[in-house]
Amino acid sequence: MTTEENASQELEQKAISTTYTNVDEAKKFVEQTDVDALAVSFGTVHGILSAKPVLDLNLLNELNKQISTPLVMHGGSGLDSTDYEQVIERGIRKINYFSYGY
C-alpha cells in the first residue's frame, strides 16, 4: 500500500467516526419521539470502501443498554459474517445493505 493510499484510508475512517451516534442524544430522541426503531452510526457506511470499516462495538453495546428501541444498521459494505454476528449480538435488529449488488 502506498503512502497516499494509507493516508486516504485514515482520512476516510476519521470522517466516518466523527458521525457516530451520541448515546445521550439518541436516548433523548427515542424518549421524545417514541420511534419504532432507531438507525445508529457506529462505523458502517453504504458504498464501496477502500478499507474494511472499523466498528465501534463498545458504542453499539452502550446504545443497546441505554435504548430499548430496536437498533438499525445502515450499510454493511466491507463487513464479513463475524461482523454481522457481533452487531446482532449487540442489539442490531434490522440491517439495510446492498452496495455490492451493482
N, C-alpha and C. Protein backbone atom coordinates (compact mmCIF):
# COMPACT_ATOMS: atom_id res chain seq x y z
N MET A 1 0.85 -1.17 0.00
CA MET A 1 0.00 0.00 0.00
C MET A 1 0.89 1.24 0.00
N THR A 2 0.55 2.19 -0.84
CA THR A 2 1.34 3.41 -0.92
C THR A 2 1.01 4.35 0.24
N THR A 3 1.86 5.32 0.43
CA THR A 3 1.65 6.32 1.48
C THR A 3 0.35 7.08 1.24
N GLU A 4 0.08 7.39 -0.02
CA GLU A 4 -1.15 8.12 -0.37
C GLU A 4 -2.39 7.28 -0.07
N GLU A 5 -2.35 5.99 -0.41
CA GLU A 5 -3.48 5.11 -0.14
C GLU A 5 -3.72 4.98 1.36
N ASN A 6 -2.65 4.86 2.12
CA ASN A 6 -2.76 4.75 3.57
C ASN A 6 -3.35 6.03 4.16
N ALA A 7 -2.89 7.18 3.69
CA ALA A 7 -3.42 8.46 4.18
C ALA A 7 -4.89 8.61 3.83
N SER A 8 -5.27 8.15 2.64
CA SER A 8 -6.66 8.22 2.21
C SER A 8 -7.55 7.37 3.11
N GLN A 9 -7.09 6.17 3.43
CA GLN A 9 -7.86 5.28 4.30
C GLN A 9 -8.01 5.88 5.70
N GLU A 10 -6.94 6.50 6.21
CA GLU A 10 -7.01 7.11 7.54
C GLU A 10 -8.00 8.27 7.55
N LEU A 11 -8.01 9.09 6.52
CA LEU A 11 -8.95 10.20 6.42
C LEU A 11 -10.39 9.70 6.32
N GLU A 12 -10.59 8.65 5.53
CA GLU A 12 -11.92 8.07 5.37
C GLU A 12 -12.46 7.58 6.70
N GLN A 13 -11.64 6.87 7.46
CA GLN A 13 -12.07 6.33 8.75
C GLN A 13 -12.32 7.45 9.75
N LYS A 14 -11.49 8.48 9.75
CA LYS A 14 -11.67 9.61 10.66
C LYS A 14 -12.99 10.33 10.37
N ALA A 15 -13.30 10.51 9.10
CA ALA A 15 -14.55 11.17 8.72
C ALA A 15 -15.75 10.35 9.17
N ILE A 16 -15.67 9.04 9.05
CA ILE A 16 -16.76 8.17 9.47
C ILE A 16 -16.96 8.27 10.98
N SER A 17 -15.88 8.23 11.75
CA SER A 17 -16.01 8.20 13.21
C SER A 17 -16.56 9.49 13.78
N THR A 18 -16.44 10.61 13.08
CA THR A 18 -16.97 11.87 13.58
C THR A 18 -18.49 11.92 13.50
N THR A 19 -19.09 10.97 12.81
CA THR A 19 -20.55 10.96 12.67
C THR A 19 -21.21 9.86 13.51
N TYR A 20 -20.49 9.28 14.44
CA TYR A 20 -21.06 8.24 15.28
C TYR A 20 -22.20 8.78 16.14
N THR A 21 -23.14 7.92 16.45
CA THR A 21 -24.29 8.29 17.27
C THR A 21 -23.85 8.60 18.70
N ASN A 22 -24.39 9.69 19.23
CA ASN A 22 -24.17 10.07 20.61
C ASN A 22 -25.23 9.37 21.46
N VAL A 23 -24.82 8.64 22.48
CA VAL A 23 -25.73 7.84 23.29
C VAL A 23 -26.79 8.71 23.96
N ASP A 24 -26.37 9.80 24.58
CA ASP A 24 -27.32 10.65 25.30
C ASP A 24 -28.34 11.28 24.35
N GLU A 25 -27.86 11.76 23.21
CA GLU A 25 -28.77 12.36 22.23
C GLU A 25 -29.75 11.33 21.67
N ALA A 26 -29.26 10.12 21.42
CA ALA A 26 -30.12 9.06 20.89
C ALA A 26 -31.19 8.68 21.91
N LYS A 27 -30.79 8.55 23.15
CA LYS A 27 -31.73 8.19 24.21
C LYS A 27 -32.82 9.26 24.34
N LYS A 28 -32.43 10.52 24.32
CA LYS A 28 -33.38 11.63 24.41
C LYS A 28 -34.32 11.62 23.20
N PHE A 29 -33.77 11.40 22.02
CA PHE A 29 -34.59 11.37 20.81
C PHE A 29 -35.64 10.28 20.89
N VAL A 30 -35.25 9.10 21.31
CA VAL A 30 -36.19 7.97 21.42
C VAL A 30 -37.28 8.28 22.44
N GLU A 31 -36.89 8.85 23.57
CA GLU A 31 -37.87 9.20 24.60
C GLU A 31 -38.87 10.24 24.10
N GLN A 32 -38.39 11.21 23.33
CA GLN A 32 -39.25 12.30 22.87
C GLN A 32 -40.13 11.92 21.69
N THR A 33 -39.70 10.96 20.90
CA THR A 33 -40.43 10.65 19.66
C THR A 33 -41.16 9.31 19.69
N ASP A 34 -40.76 8.44 20.59
CA ASP A 34 -41.36 7.10 20.66
C ASP A 34 -41.28 6.36 19.32
N VAL A 35 -40.13 6.46 18.64
CA VAL A 35 -39.94 5.79 17.36
C VAL A 35 -39.98 4.28 17.54
N ASP A 36 -40.29 3.57 16.46
CA ASP A 36 -40.36 2.10 16.49
C ASP A 36 -38.98 1.46 16.37
N ALA A 37 -38.03 2.16 15.75
CA ALA A 37 -36.67 1.65 15.57
C ALA A 37 -35.76 2.86 15.38
N LEU A 38 -34.47 2.67 15.66
CA LEU A 38 -33.52 3.77 15.56
C LEU A 38 -32.28 3.33 14.78
N ALA A 39 -32.01 4.02 13.67
CA ALA A 39 -30.78 3.77 12.92
C ALA A 39 -29.63 4.46 13.65
N VAL A 40 -28.57 3.71 13.89
CA VAL A 40 -27.43 4.24 14.64
C VAL A 40 -26.16 4.15 13.80
N SER A 41 -25.25 5.05 14.10
CA SER A 41 -23.98 5.09 13.38
C SER A 41 -22.86 4.67 14.32
N PHE A 42 -22.15 3.62 13.95
CA PHE A 42 -21.05 3.10 14.78
C PHE A 42 -19.90 2.58 13.93
N GLY A 43 -19.87 3.00 12.65
CA GLY A 43 -18.74 2.64 11.80
C GLY A 43 -19.10 2.02 10.47
N THR A 44 -20.36 1.72 10.25
CA THR A 44 -20.76 1.16 8.96
C THR A 44 -21.18 2.28 8.02
N VAL A 45 -21.05 2.03 6.73
CA VAL A 45 -21.46 3.00 5.71
C VAL A 45 -21.96 2.25 4.49
N HIS A 46 -22.74 2.96 3.67
CA HIS A 46 -23.13 2.43 2.37
C HIS A 46 -22.02 2.76 1.38
N GLY A 47 -21.81 1.92 0.42
CA GLY A 47 -20.84 2.21 -0.64
C GLY A 47 -19.61 1.34 -0.57
N ILE A 48 -18.87 1.38 -1.63
CA ILE A 48 -17.63 0.61 -1.72
C ILE A 48 -16.52 1.39 -1.03
N LEU A 49 -15.85 0.76 -0.08
CA LEU A 49 -14.80 1.40 0.69
C LEU A 49 -13.42 0.93 0.25
N SER A 50 -12.42 1.76 0.52
CA SER A 50 -11.05 1.36 0.20
C SER A 50 -10.45 0.50 1.30
N ALA A 51 -11.10 0.45 2.46
CA ALA A 51 -10.60 -0.36 3.58
C ALA A 51 -11.79 -0.91 4.36
N LYS A 52 -11.53 -1.95 5.12
CA LYS A 52 -12.59 -2.54 5.95
C LYS A 52 -12.99 -1.54 7.03
N PRO A 53 -14.29 -1.35 7.24
CA PRO A 53 -14.75 -0.43 8.29
C PRO A 53 -14.29 -0.88 9.67
N VAL A 54 -14.07 0.09 10.53
CA VAL A 54 -13.73 -0.18 11.92
C VAL A 54 -14.98 0.09 12.74
N LEU A 55 -15.56 -0.96 13.27
CA LEU A 55 -16.80 -0.85 14.02
C LEU A 55 -16.52 -0.51 15.48
N ASP A 56 -17.27 0.42 16.03
CA ASP A 56 -17.18 0.75 17.45
C ASP A 56 -18.22 -0.11 18.18
N LEU A 57 -17.83 -1.33 18.48
CA LEU A 57 -18.74 -2.27 19.12
C LEU A 57 -19.05 -1.88 20.56
N ASN A 58 -18.14 -1.18 21.21
CA ASN A 58 -18.41 -0.69 22.57
C ASN A 58 -19.54 0.34 22.54
N LEU A 59 -19.50 1.23 21.56
CA LEU A 59 -20.57 2.21 21.40
C LEU A 59 -21.90 1.51 21.13
N LEU A 60 -21.89 0.56 20.23
CA LEU A 60 -23.11 -0.18 19.91
C LEU A 60 -23.66 -0.89 21.14
N ASN A 61 -22.80 -1.48 21.91
CA ASN A 61 -23.20 -2.16 23.14
C ASN A 61 -23.85 -1.17 24.11
N GLU A 62 -23.25 0.00 24.25
CA GLU A 62 -23.79 1.02 25.15
C GLU A 62 -25.14 1.54 24.65
N LEU A 63 -25.26 1.75 23.35
CA LEU A 63 -26.55 2.16 22.78
C LEU A 63 -27.62 1.12 23.09
N ASN A 64 -27.27 -0.13 22.95
CA ASN A 64 -28.22 -1.22 23.21
C ASN A 64 -28.63 -1.25 24.69
N LYS A 65 -27.70 -0.96 25.58
CA LYS A 65 -28.01 -0.94 27.01
C LYS A 65 -28.93 0.22 27.37
N GLN A 66 -28.70 1.36 26.76
CA GLN A 66 -29.40 2.59 27.13
C GLN A 66 -30.74 2.79 26.42
N ILE A 67 -30.92 2.11 25.28
CA ILE A 67 -32.11 2.34 24.46
C ILE A 67 -32.84 1.01 24.26
N SER A 68 -34.11 0.99 24.62
CA SER A 68 -34.87 -0.26 24.49
C SER A 68 -35.45 -0.45 23.09
N THR A 69 -35.43 0.59 22.28
CA THR A 69 -35.94 0.54 20.91
C THR A 69 -35.01 -0.31 20.04
N PRO A 70 -35.56 -1.13 19.14
CA PRO A 70 -34.70 -1.91 18.23
C PRO A 70 -33.75 -1.01 17.44
N LEU A 71 -32.52 -1.45 17.28
CA LEU A 71 -31.50 -0.68 16.57
C LEU A 71 -31.36 -1.16 15.14
N VAL A 72 -31.11 -0.20 14.24
CA VAL A 72 -30.98 -0.45 12.80
C VAL A 72 -29.58 -0.10 12.36
N MET A 73 -29.01 -0.93 11.48
CA MET A 73 -27.70 -0.67 10.90
C MET A 73 -27.87 -0.35 9.42
N HIS A 74 -27.35 0.78 8.99
CA HIS A 74 -27.32 1.13 7.58
C HIS A 74 -25.91 0.89 7.06
N GLY A 75 -25.81 0.16 5.98
CA GLY A 75 -24.51 -0.07 5.36
C GLY A 75 -23.82 -1.28 5.94
N GLY A 76 -23.53 -2.22 5.09
CA GLY A 76 -22.78 -3.40 5.51
C GLY A 76 -21.57 -3.62 4.63
N SER A 77 -21.21 -2.61 3.86
CA SER A 77 -20.09 -2.75 2.92
C SER A 77 -18.80 -3.08 3.66
N GLY A 78 -18.12 -4.08 3.18
CA GLY A 78 -16.83 -4.46 3.74
C GLY A 78 -16.89 -5.33 4.98
N LEU A 79 -18.08 -5.66 5.44
CA LEU A 79 -18.20 -6.49 6.64
C LEU A 79 -18.22 -7.96 6.27
N ASP A 80 -17.79 -8.80 7.21
CA ASP A 80 -17.85 -10.24 6.98
C ASP A 80 -18.88 -10.85 7.94
N SER A 81 -19.06 -12.14 7.86
CA SER A 81 -20.11 -12.80 8.66
C SER A 81 -19.88 -12.63 10.16
N THR A 82 -18.64 -12.60 10.60
CA THR A 82 -18.34 -12.40 12.01
C THR A 82 -18.80 -11.02 12.47
N ASP A 83 -18.58 -10.01 11.64
CA ASP A 83 -19.04 -8.66 11.98
C ASP A 83 -20.55 -8.64 12.15
N TYR A 84 -21.26 -9.27 11.22
CA TYR A 84 -22.72 -9.32 11.32
C TYR A 84 -23.16 -10.01 12.60
N GLU A 85 -22.52 -11.10 12.96
CA GLU A 85 -22.86 -11.80 14.20
C GLU A 85 -22.64 -10.90 15.40
N GLN A 86 -21.52 -10.16 15.40
CA GLN A 86 -21.20 -9.29 16.54
C GLN A 86 -22.20 -8.15 16.69
N VAL A 87 -22.62 -7.55 15.58
CA VAL A 87 -23.56 -6.43 15.71
C VAL A 87 -24.95 -6.93 16.12
N ILE A 88 -25.32 -8.10 15.66
CA ILE A 88 -26.61 -8.67 16.08
C ILE A 88 -26.58 -8.99 17.57
N GLU A 89 -25.47 -9.53 18.05
CA GLU A 89 -25.32 -9.81 19.48
C GLU A 89 -25.43 -8.55 20.32
N ARG A 90 -25.10 -7.41 19.74
CA ARG A 90 -25.10 -6.14 20.46
C ARG A 90 -26.33 -5.29 20.17
N GLY A 91 -27.38 -5.88 19.62
CA GLY A 91 -28.65 -5.19 19.55
C GLY A 91 -29.17 -4.79 18.18
N ILE A 92 -28.40 -4.98 17.13
CA ILE A 92 -28.91 -4.63 15.81
C ILE A 92 -30.03 -5.62 15.45
N ARG A 93 -31.19 -5.09 15.04
CA ARG A 93 -32.33 -5.92 14.71
C ARG A 93 -32.79 -5.78 13.26
N LYS A 94 -32.24 -4.80 12.56
CA LYS A 94 -32.55 -4.62 11.15
C LYS A 94 -31.29 -4.12 10.46
N ILE A 95 -31.00 -4.70 9.29
CA ILE A 95 -29.81 -4.33 8.54
C ILE A 95 -30.20 -3.92 7.13
N ASN A 96 -29.79 -2.72 6.73
CA ASN A 96 -30.01 -2.23 5.37
C ASN A 96 -28.67 -2.25 4.63
N TYR A 97 -28.63 -2.93 3.49
CA TYR A 97 -27.40 -3.01 2.72
C TYR A 97 -27.73 -3.35 1.27
N PHE A 98 -26.77 -3.16 0.39
CA PHE A 98 -26.87 -3.64 -0.98
C PHE A 98 -25.88 -2.97 -1.94
N SER A 99 -24.83 -2.39 -1.46
CA SER A 99 -23.86 -1.70 -2.33
C SER A 99 -23.22 -2.65 -3.33
N TYR A 100 -22.93 -3.87 -2.93
CA TYR A 100 -22.19 -4.76 -3.79
C TYR A 100 -23.05 -5.41 -4.87
N GLY A 101 -24.31 -5.12 -4.90
CA GLY A 101 -25.19 -5.70 -5.90
C GLY A 101 -25.07 -5.08 -7.28
N TYR A 102 -24.37 -3.95 -7.38
CA TYR A 102 -24.28 -3.25 -8.66
C TYR A 102 -22.93 -3.36 -9.29
